[in-house]
Amino acid sequence: KQPKHAKPDEVHIEWEMNNPIEPDFKGFAISRSD
């Protein structure tokens, strides 16, 4: 989803996934670039 600058020192990041999740699912990684 569109990230939000919710507080002066915080950017809130949210995302969605379809169900069901794959049985071999391991986890999420968050990355940033300019």
PDB file of all heavy atoms in Angstrom:
ATOM      1  N   LYS A   1       0.839  -1.193   0.000  1.00  0.00           N
ATOM      2  CA  LYS A   1       0.000   0.000   0.000  1.00  0.00           C
ATOM      3  C   LYS A   1       0.878   1.250   0.000  1.00  0.00           C
ATOM      4  O   LYS A   1       2.093   1.174   0.173  1.00  0.00           O
ATOM      5  CB  LYS A   1      -0.916  -0.004   1.227  1.00  0.00           C
ATOM      6  CG  LYS A   1      -1.887  -1.181   1.293  1.00  0.00           C
ATOM      7  CD  LYS A   1      -2.746  -1.092   2.536  1.00  0.00           C
ATOM      8  CE  LYS A   1      -3.726  -2.249   2.622  1.00  0.00           C
ATOM      9  NZ  LYS A   1      -4.574  -2.163   3.851  1.00  0.00           N
ATOM     10  N   GLN A   2       0.260   2.406  -0.177  1.00  0.00           N
ATOM     11  CA  GLN A   2       0.994   3.667  -0.170  1.00  0.00           C
ATOM     12  C   GLN A   2       1.578   3.911   1.229  1.00  0.00           C
ATOM     13  O   GLN A   2       0.850   4.045   2.209  1.00  0.00           O
ATOM     14  CB  GLN A   2       0.065   4.826  -0.533  1.00  0.00           C
ATOM     15  CG  GLN A   2       0.720   6.195  -0.475  1.00  0.00           C
ATOM     16  CD  GLN A   2       1.789   6.367  -1.536  1.00  0.00           C
ATOM     17  OE1 GLN A   2       1.547   6.129  -2.705  1.00  0.00           O
ATOM     18  NE2 GLN A   2       2.974   6.767  -1.107  1.00  0.00           N
ATOM     19  N   PRO A   3       2.932   3.952   1.362  1.00  0.00           N
ATOM     20  CA  PRO A   3       3.523   4.257   2.672  1.00  0.00           C
ATOM     21  C   PRO A   3       3.126   5.653   3.135  1.00  0.00           C
ATOM     22  O   PRO A   3       2.912   6.564   2.331  1.00  0.00           O
ATOM     23  CB  PRO A   3       5.030   4.155   2.403  1.00  0.00           C
ATOM     24  CG  PRO A   3       5.149   3.320   1.175  1.00  0.00           C
ATOM     25  CD  PRO A   3       3.947   3.644   0.350  1.00  0.00           C
ATOM     26  N   LYS A   4       3.039   5.846   4.467  1.00  0.00           N
ATOM     27  CA  LYS A   4       2.594   7.118   5.028  1.00  0.00           C
ATOM     28  C   LYS A   4       3.612   7.656   6.015  1.00  0.00           C
ATOM     29  O   LYS A   4       4.145   6.908   6.849  1.00  0.00           O
ATOM     30  CB  LYS A   4       1.244   6.940   5.724  1.00  0.00           C
ATOM     31  CG  LYS A   4       0.109   6.531   4.793  1.00  0.00           C
ATOM     32  CD  LYS A   4      -1.194   6.370   5.548  1.00  0.00           C
ATOM     33  CE  LYS A   4      -2.330   5.963   4.611  1.00  0.00           C
ATOM     34  NZ  LYS A   4      -3.607   5.776   5.357  1.00  0.00           N
ATOM     35  N   HIS A   5       3.854   8.957   5.919  1.00  0.00           N
ATOM     36  CA  HIS A   5       4.705   9.651   6.892  1.00  0.00           C
ATOM     37  C   HIS A   5       3.800  10.028   8.069  1.00  0.00           C
ATOM     38  O   HIS A   5       3.355  11.169   8.208  1.00  0.00           O
ATOM     39  CB  HIS A   5       5.340  10.884   6.244  1.00  0.00           C
ATOM     40  CG  HIS A   5       6.404  11.510   7.084  1.00  0.00           C
ATOM     41  ND1 HIS A   5       6.948  12.735   6.795  1.00  0.00           N
ATOM     42  CD2 HIS A   5       7.037  11.092   8.212  1.00  0.00           C
ATOM     43  CE1 HIS A   5       7.863  13.049   7.686  1.00  0.00           C
ATOM     44  NE2 HIS A   5       7.928  12.055   8.561  1.00  0.00           N
ATOM     45  N   ALA A   6       3.547   9.049   8.932  1.00  0.00           N
ATOM     46  CA  ALA A   6       2.536   9.208   9.974  1.00  0.00           C
ATOM     47  C   ALA A   6       3.000  10.121  11.098  1.00  0.00           C
ATOM     48  O   ALA A   6       2.201  10.865  11.679  1.00  0.00           O
ATOM     49  CB  ALA A   6       2.158   7.838  10.539  1.00  0.00           C
ATOM     50  N   LYS A   7       4.287  10.057  11.441  1.00  0.00           N
ATOM     51  CA  LYS A   7       4.860  10.895  12.490  1.00  0.00           C
ATOM     52  C   LYS A   7       6.149  11.500  11.960  1.00  0.00           C
ATOM     53  O   LYS A   7       6.709  11.002  10.972  1.00  0.00           O
ATOM     54  CB  LYS A   7       5.120  10.067  13.744  1.00  0.00           C
ATOM     55  CG  LYS A   7       3.866   9.514  14.396  1.00  0.00           C
ATOM     56  CD  LYS A   7       4.210   8.736  15.665  1.00  0.00           C
ATOM     57  CE  LYS A   7       2.945   8.190  16.326  1.00  0.00           C
ATOM     58  NZ  LYS A   7       3.262   7.434  17.574  1.00  0.00           N
ATOM     59  N   PRO A   8       6.651  12.568  12.608  1.00  0.00           N
ATOM     60  CA  PRO A   8       7.869  13.205  12.090  1.00  0.00           C
ATOM     61  C   PRO A   8       9.023  12.233  11.895  1.00  0.00           C
ATOM     62  O   PRO A   8       9.829  12.405  10.975  1.00  0.00           O
ATOM     63  CB  PRO A   8       8.188  14.262  13.160  1.00  0.00           C
ATOM     64  CG  PRO A   8       6.851  14.587  13.758  1.00  0.00           C
ATOM     65  CD  PRO A   8       6.077  13.311  13.748  1.00  0.00           C
ATOM     66  N   ASP A   9       9.124  11.201  12.748  1.00  0.00           N
ATOM     67  CA  ASP A   9      10.246  10.271  12.647  1.00  0.00           C
ATOM     68  C   ASP A   9       9.815   8.861  12.278  1.00  0.00           C
ATOM     69  O   ASP A   9      10.561   7.901  12.479  1.00  0.00           O
ATOM     70  CB  ASP A   9      11.031  10.241  13.969  1.00  0.00           C
ATOM     71  CG  ASP A   9      10.165   9.775  15.136  1.00  0.00           C
ATOM     72  OD1 ASP A   9       8.927   9.788  14.992  1.00  0.00           O
ATOM     73  OD2 ASP A   9      10.744   9.400  16.177  1.00  0.00           O
ATOM     74  N   GLU A  10       8.601   8.697  11.725  1.00  0.00           N
ATOM     75  CA  GLU A  10       8.108   7.367  11.404  1.00  0.00           C
ATOM     76  C   GLU A  10       7.423   7.341  10.040  1.00  0.00           C
ATOM     77  O   GLU A  10       6.609   8.217   9.725  1.00  0.00           O
ATOM     78  CB  GLU A  10       7.100   6.880  12.463  1.00  0.00           C
ATOM     79  CG  GLU A  10       7.700   6.585  13.816  1.00  0.00           C
ATOM     80  CD  GLU A  10       6.668   6.036  14.789  1.00  0.00           C
ATOM     81  OE1 GLU A  10       5.482   5.873  14.399  1.00  0.00           O
ATOM     82  OE2 GLU A  10       7.036   5.779  15.942  1.00  0.00           O
ATOM     83  N   VAL A  11       7.770   6.311   9.270  1.00  0.00           N
ATOM     84  CA  VAL A  11       7.044   6.001   8.039  1.00  0.00           C
ATOM     85  C   VAL A  11       6.391   4.637   8.235  1.00  0.00           C
ATOM     86  O   VAL A  11       7.072   3.648   8.539  1.00  0.00           O
ATOM     87  CB  VAL A  11       7.983   5.979   6.813  1.00  0.00           C
ATOM     88  CG1 VAL A  11       7.247   5.442   5.591  1.00  0.00           C
ATOM     89  CG2 VAL A  11       8.525   7.364   6.520  1.00  0.00           C
ATOM     90  N   HIS A  12       5.076   4.574   8.075  1.00  0.00           N
ATOM     91  CA  HIS A  12       4.335   3.337   8.277  1.00  0.00           C
ATOM     92  C   HIS A  12       4.146   2.620   6.937  1.00  0.00           C
ATOM     93  O   HIS A  12       3.677   3.211   5.963  1.00  0.00           O
ATOM     94  CB  HIS A  12       2.977   3.634   8.901  1.00  0.00           C
ATOM     95  CG  HIS A  12       3.088   4.110  10.319  1.00  0.00           C
ATOM     96  ND1 HIS A  12       1.998   4.240  11.168  1.00  0.00           N
ATOM     97  CD2 HIS A  12       4.167   4.476  11.068  1.00  0.00           C
ATOM     98  CE1 HIS A  12       2.404   4.675  12.337  1.00  0.00           C
ATOM     99  NE2 HIS A  12       3.714   4.835  12.302  1.00  0.00           N
ATOM    100  N   ILE A  13       4.514   1.326   6.924  1.00  0.00           N
ATOM    101  CA  ILE A  13       4.456   0.513   5.709  1.00  0.00           C
ATOM    102  C   ILE A  13       3.487  -0.642   5.955  1.00  0.00           C
ATOM    103  O   ILE A  13       3.623  -1.372   6.945  1.00  0.00           O
ATOM    104  CB  ILE A  13       5.859  -0.026   5.351  1.00  0.00           C
ATOM    105  CG1 ILE A  13       6.840   1.138   5.210  1.00  0.00           C
ATOM    106  CG2 ILE A  13       5.834  -0.856   4.084  1.00  0.00           C
ATOM    107  CD1 ILE A  13       8.277   0.710   5.278  1.00  0.00           C
ATOM    108  N   GLU A  14       2.518  -0.819   5.034  1.00  0.00           N
ATOM    109  CA  GLU A  14       1.553  -1.910   5.142  1.00  0.00           C
ATOM    110  C   GLU A  14       1.445  -2.632   3.806  1.00  0.00           C
ATOM    111  O   GLU A  14       1.629  -2.030   2.751  1.00  0.00           O
ATOM    112  CB  GLU A  14       0.170  -1.374   5.546  1.00  0.00           C
ATOM    113  CG  GLU A  14       0.120  -0.771   6.942  1.00  0.00           C
ATOM    114  CD  GLU A  14      -1.295  -0.410   7.347  1.00  0.00           C
ATOM    115  OE1 GLU A  14      -2.241  -0.999   6.767  1.00  0.00           O
ATOM    116  OE2 GLU A  14      -1.463   0.448   8.232  1.00  0.00           O
ATOM    117  N   TRP A  15       1.132  -3.921   3.878  1.00  0.00           N
ATOM    118  CA  TRP A  15       0.966  -4.719   2.663  1.00  0.00           C
ATOM    119  C   TRP A  15      -0.091  -5.793   2.887  1.00  0.00           C
ATOM    120  O   TRP A  15      -0.494  -6.067   4.021  1.00  0.00           O
ATOM    121  CB  TRP A  15       2.293  -5.348   2.233  1.00  0.00           C
ATOM    122  CG  TRP A  15       2.888  -6.307   3.234  1.00  0.00           C
ATOM    123  CD1 TRP A  15       2.748  -7.649   3.283  1.00  0.00           C
ATOM    124  CD2 TRP A  15       3.724  -5.958   4.350  1.00  0.00           C
ATOM    125  NE1 TRP A  15       3.431  -8.185   4.336  1.00  0.00           N
ATOM    126  CE2 TRP A  15       4.049  -7.168   5.011  1.00  0.00           C
ATOM    127  CE3 TRP A  15       4.223  -4.772   4.867  1.00  0.00           C
ATOM    128  CZ2 TRP A  15       4.846  -7.204   6.153  1.00  0.00           C
ATOM    129  CZ3 TRP A  15       5.021  -4.794   5.993  1.00  0.00           C
ATOM    130  CH2 TRP A  15       5.326  -5.999   6.623  1.00  0.00           C
ATOM    131  N   GLU A  16      -0.515  -6.406   1.797  1.00  0.00           N
ATOM    132  CA  GLU A  16      -1.539  -7.446   1.856  1.00  0.00           C
ATOM    133  C   GLU A  16      -1.039  -8.700   1.155  1.00  0.00           C
ATOM    134  O   GLU A  16      -0.187  -8.626   0.253  1.00  0.00           O
ATOM    135  CB  GLU A  16      -2.836  -6.967   1.191  1.00  0.00           C
ATOM    136  CG  GLU A  16      -3.517  -5.824   1.912  1.00  0.00           C
ATOM    137  CD  GLU A  16      -4.784  -5.371   1.194  1.00  0.00           C
ATOM    138  OE1 GLU A  16      -5.040  -5.888   0.076  1.00  0.00           O
ATOM    139  OE2 GLU A  16      -5.500  -4.516   1.735  1.00  0.00           O
ATOM    140  N   MET A  17      -1.609  -9.872   1.550  1.00  0.00           N
ATOM    141  CA  MET A  17      -1.312 -11.156   0.916  1.00  0.00           C
ATOM    142  C   MET A  17      -2.625 -11.904   0.713  1.00  0.00           C
ATOM    143  O   MET A  17      -3.550 -11.797   1.527  1.00  0.00           O
ATOM    144  CB  MET A  17      -0.377 -11.994   1.780  1.00  0.00           C
ATOM    145  CG  MET A  17       1.005 -11.399   1.999  1.00  0.00           C
ATOM    146  SD  MET A  17       2.056 -11.494   0.544  1.00  0.00           S
ATOM    147  CE  MET A  17       2.452 -13.241   0.517  1.00  0.00           C
ATOM    148  N   ASN A  18      -2.692 -12.672  -0.362  1.00  0.00           N
ATOM    149  CA  ASN A  18      -3.860 -13.517  -0.582  1.00  0.00           C
ATOM    150  C   ASN A  18      -3.773 -14.763   0.285  1.00  0.00           C
ATOM    151  O   ASN A  18      -2.686 -15.285   0.551  1.00  0.00           O
ATOM    152  CB  ASN A  18      -3.957 -13.922  -2.053  1.00  0.00           C
ATOM    153  CG  ASN A  18      -4.219 -12.730  -2.958  1.00  0.00           C
ATOM    154  OD1 ASN A  18      -4.920 -11.796  -2.568  1.00  0.00           O
ATOM    155  ND2 ASN A  18      -3.662 -12.767  -4.155  1.00  0.00           N
ATOM    156  N   ASN A  19      -4.902 -15.257   0.696  1.00  0.00           N
ATOM    157  CA  ASN A  19      -4.945 -16.500   1.472  1.00  0.00           C
ATOM    158  C   ASN A  19      -5.287 -17.660   0.552  1.00  0.00           C
ATOM    159  O   ASN A  19      -6.038 -17.492  -0.412  1.00  0.00           O
ATOM    160  CB  ASN A  19      -5.985 -16.386   2.598  1.00  0.00           C
ATOM    161  CG  ASN A  19      -5.515 -15.434   3.688  1.00  0.00           C
ATOM    162  OD1 ASN A  19      -4.341 -15.433   4.051  1.00  0.00           O
ATOM    163  ND2 ASN A  19      -6.441 -14.610   4.193  1.00  0.00           N
ATOM    164  N   PRO A  20      -4.795 -18.864   0.784  1.00  0.00           N
ATOM    165  CA  PRO A  20      -3.906 -19.176   1.918  1.00  0.00           C
ATOM    166  C   PRO A  20      -2.436 -18.891   1.582  1.00  0.00           C
ATOM    167  O   PRO A  20      -2.062 -18.827   0.418  1.00  0.00           O
ATOM    168  CB  PRO A  20      -4.129 -20.674   2.112  1.00  0.00           C
ATOM    169  CG  PRO A  20      -4.428 -21.162   0.718  1.00  0.00           C
ATOM    170  CD  PRO A  20      -5.180 -20.068   0.031  1.00  0.00           C
ATOM    171  N   ILE A  21      -1.594 -18.772   2.598  1.00  0.00           N
ATOM    172  CA  ILE A  21      -0.157 -18.607   2.425  1.00  0.00           C
ATOM    173  C   ILE A  21       0.466 -19.970   2.120  1.00  0.00           C
ATOM    174  O   ILE A  21       0.050 -20.997   2.679  1.00  0.00           O
ATOM    175  CB  ILE A  21       0.467 -18.003   3.701  1.00  0.00           C
ATOM    176  CG1 ILE A  21      -0.156 -16.625   3.989  1.00  0.00           C
ATOM    177  CG2 ILE A  21       1.971 -17.869   3.565  1.00  0.00           C
ATOM    178  CD1 ILE A  21       0.125 -15.596   2.936  1.00  0.00           C
ATOM    179  N   GLU A  22       1.476 -20.013   1.256  1.00  0.00           N
ATOM    180  CA  GLU A  22       2.127 -21.269   0.889  1.00  0.00           C
ATOM    181  C   GLU A  22       2.684 -21.960   2.133  1.00  0.00           C
ATOM    182  O   GLU A  22       3.195 -21.302   3.055  1.00  0.00           O
ATOM    183  CB  GLU A  22       3.269 -21.013  -0.106  1.00  0.00           C
ATOM    184  CG  GLU A  22       2.816 -20.519  -1.468  1.00  0.00           C
ATOM    185  CD  GLU A  22       2.615 -19.025  -1.542  1.00  0.00           C
ATOM    186  OE1 GLU A  22       2.610 -18.390  -0.475  1.00  0.00           O
ATOM    187  OE2 GLU A  22       2.440 -18.494  -2.657  1.00  0.00           O
ATOM    188  N   PRO A  23       2.615 -23.281   2.169  1.00  0.00           N
ATOM    189  CA  PRO A  23       3.093 -24.009   3.362  1.00  0.00           C
ATOM    190  C   PRO A  23       4.598 -23.845   3.611  1.00  0.00           C
ATOM    191  O   PRO A  23       5.043 -23.986   4.747  1.00  0.00           O
ATOM    192  CB  PRO A  23       2.729 -25.472   3.061  1.00  0.00           C
ATOM    193  CG  PRO A  23       2.533 -25.525   1.574  1.00  0.00           C
ATOM    194  CD  PRO A  23       2.027 -24.194   1.161  1.00  0.00           C
ATOM    195  N   ASP A  24       5.384 -23.571   2.536  1.00  0.00           N
ATOM    196  CA  ASP A  24       6.828 -23.407   2.728  1.00  0.00           C
ATOM    197  C   ASP A  24       7.217 -21.936   2.869  1.00  0.00           C
ATOM    198  O   ASP A  24       8.377 -21.573   2.694  1.00  0.00           O
ATOM    199  CB  ASP A  24       7.599 -24.051   1.572  1.00  0.00           C
ATOM    200  CG  ASP A  24       7.282 -23.399   0.230  1.00  0.00           C
ATOM    201  OD1 ASP A  24       6.259 -22.686   0.137  1.00  0.00           O
ATOM    202  OD2 ASP A  24       8.071 -23.598  -0.726  1.00  0.00           O
ATOM    203  N   PHE A  25       6.232 -21.061   3.187  1.00  0.00           N
ATOM    204  CA  PHE A  25       6.514 -19.630   3.321  1.00  0.00           C
ATOM    205  C   PHE A  25       7.431 -19.399   4.523  1.00  0.00           C
ATOM    206  O   PHE A  25       7.236 -19.986   5.595  1.00  0.00           O
ATOM    207  CB  PHE A  25       5.203 -18.858   3.483  1.00  0.00           C
ATOM    208  CG  PHE A  25       5.362 -17.375   3.307  1.00  0.00           C
ATOM    209  CD1 PHE A  25       5.288 -16.797   2.064  1.00  0.00           C
ATOM    210  CD2 PHE A  25       5.612 -16.557   4.405  1.00  0.00           C
ATOM    211  CE1 PHE A  25       5.447 -15.435   1.893  1.00  0.00           C
ATOM    212  CE2 PHE A  25       5.765 -15.201   4.251  1.00  0.00           C
ATOM    213  CZ  PHE A  25       5.689 -14.631   2.992  1.00  0.00           C
ATOM    214  N   LYS A  26       8.415 -18.484   4.343  1.00  0.00           N
ATOM    215  CA  LYS A  26       9.432 -18.269   5.374  1.00  0.00           C
ATOM    216  C   LYS A  26       9.274 -16.926   6.078  1.00  0.00           C
ATOM    217  O   LYS A  26       9.424 -16.842   7.299  1.00  0.00           O
ATOM    218  CB  LYS A  26      10.815 -18.369   4.731  1.00  0.00           C
ATOM    219  CG  LYS A  26      11.981 -18.380   5.696  1.00  0.00           C
ATOM    220  CD  LYS A  26      13.272 -18.609   4.910  1.00  0.00           C
ATOM    221  CE  LYS A  26      14.479 -18.653   5.816  1.00  0.00           C
ATOM    222  NZ  LYS A  26      15.738 -18.845   5.045  1.00  0.00           N
ATOM    223  N   GLY A  27       9.029 -15.829   5.329  1.00  0.00           N
ATOM    224  CA  GLY A  27       8.892 -14.532   5.980  1.00  0.00           C
ATOM    225  C   GLY A  27       9.013 -13.386   4.998  1.00  0.00           C
ATOM    226  O   GLY A  27       9.086 -13.579   3.777  1.00  0.00           O
ATOM    227  N   PHE A  28       9.047 -12.130   5.569  1.00  0.00           N
ATOM    228  CA  PHE A  28       9.086 -10.916   4.764  1.00  0.00           C
ATOM    229  C   PHE A  28      10.368 -10.137   5.020  1.00  0.00           C
ATOM    230  O   PHE A  28      10.886 -10.121   6.146  1.00  0.00           O
ATOM    231  CB  PHE A  28       7.881 -10.016   5.078  1.00  0.00           C
ATOM    232  CG  PHE A  28       6.557 -10.614   4.728  1.00  0.00           C
ATOM    233  CD1 PHE A  28       5.766 -11.216   5.708  1.00  0.00           C
ATOM    234  CD2 PHE A  28       6.095 -10.580   3.420  1.00  0.00           C
ATOM    235  CE1 PHE A  28       4.540 -11.760   5.384  1.00  0.00           C
ATOM    236  CE2 PHE A  28       4.863 -11.119   3.088  1.00  0.00           C
ATOM    237  CZ  PHE A  28       4.092 -11.724   4.076  1.00  0.00           C
ATOM    238  N   ALA A  29      10.869  -9.469   3.953  1.00  0.00           N
ATOM    239  CA  ALA A  29      12.020  -8.566   4.065  1.00  0.00           C
ATOM    240  C   ALA A  29      11.588  -7.209   3.516  1.00  0.00           C
ATOM    241  O   ALA A  29      10.914  -7.128   2.485  1.00  0.00           O
ATOM    242  CB  ALA A  29      13.211  -9.098   3.273  1.00  0.00           C
ATOM    243  N   ILE A  30      11.984  -6.119   4.211  1.00  0.00           N
ATOM    244  CA  ILE A  30      11.631  -4.755   3.806  1.00  0.00           C
ATOM    245  C   ILE A  30      12.907  -4.059   3.332  1.00  0.00           C
ATOM    246  O   ILE A  30      13.925  -4.079   4.035  1.00  0.00           O
ATOM    247  CB  ILE A  30      10.992  -3.959   4.968  1.00  0.00           C
ATOM    248  CG1 ILE A  30       9.941  -4.807   5.693  1.00  0.00           C
ATOM    249  CG2 ILE A  30      10.404  -2.662   4.458  1.00  0.00           C
ATOM    250  CD1 ILE A  30       8.784  -5.228   4.831  1.00  0.00           C
ATOM    251  N   SER A  31      12.853  -3.435   2.142  1.00  0.00           N
ATOM    252  CA  SER A  31      14.021  -2.753   1.575  1.00  0.00           C
ATOM    253  C   SER A  31      13.650  -1.327   1.201  1.00  0.00           C
ATOM    254  O   SER A  31      12.479  -1.007   0.977  1.00  0.00           O
ATOM    255  CB  SER A  31      14.530  -3.495   0.331  1.00  0.00           C
ATOM    256  OG  SER A  31      14.864  -4.823   0.654  1.00  0.00           O
ATOM    257  N   ARG A  32      14.691  -0.479   1.109  1.00  0.00           N
ATOM    258  CA  ARG A  32      14.478   0.937   0.782  1.00  0.00           C
ATOM    259  C   ARG A  32      15.577   1.414  -0.167  1.00  0.00           C
ATOM    260  O   ARG A  32      16.721   0.956  -0.114  1.00  0.00           O
ATOM    261  CB  ARG A  32      14.499   1.781   2.050  1.00  0.00           C
ATOM    262  CG  ARG A  32      14.109   3.240   1.836  1.00  0.00           C
ATOM    263  CD  ARG A  32      14.216   4.068   3.107  1.00  0.00           C
ATOM    264  NE  ARG A  32      15.592   4.145   3.559  1.00  0.00           N
ATOM    265  CZ  ARG A  32      15.995   3.894   4.805  1.00  0.00           C
ATOM    266  NH1 ARG A  32      15.097   3.557   5.725  1.00  0.00           N
ATOM    267  NH2 ARG A  32      17.270   3.972   5.140  1.00  0.00           N
ATOM    268  N   SER A  33      15.204   2.375  -1.062  1.00  0.00           N
ATOM    269  CA  SER A  33      16.158   2.976  -1.997  1.00  0.00           C
ATOM    270  C   SER A  33      15.731   4.413  -2.260  1.00  0.00           C
ATOM    271  O   SER A  33      14.588   4.802  -1.983  1.00  0.00           O
ATOM    272  CB  SER A  33      16.204   2.192  -3.313  1.00  0.00           C
ATOM    273  OG  SER A  33      17.044   2.837  -4.258  1.00  0.00           O
ATOM    274  N   ASP A  34      16.669   5.210  -2.808  1.00  0.00           N
ATOM    275  CA  ASP A  34      16.330   6.596  -3.160  1.00  0.00           C
ATOM    276  C   ASP A  34      15.834   6.703  -4.599  1.00  0.00           C
ATOM    277  O   ASP A  34      15.504   7.797  -5.063  1.00  0.00           O
ATOM    278  CB  ASP A  34      17.534   7.514  -2.955  1.00  0.00           C
ATOM    279  CG  ASP A  34      18.711   7.129  -3.832  1.00  0.00           C
ATOM    280  OD1 ASP A  34      18.711   6.001  -4.371  1.00  0.00           O
ATOM    281  OD2 ASP A  34      19.636   7.943  -3.982  1.00  0.00           O
TER     282      ASP A  34
END
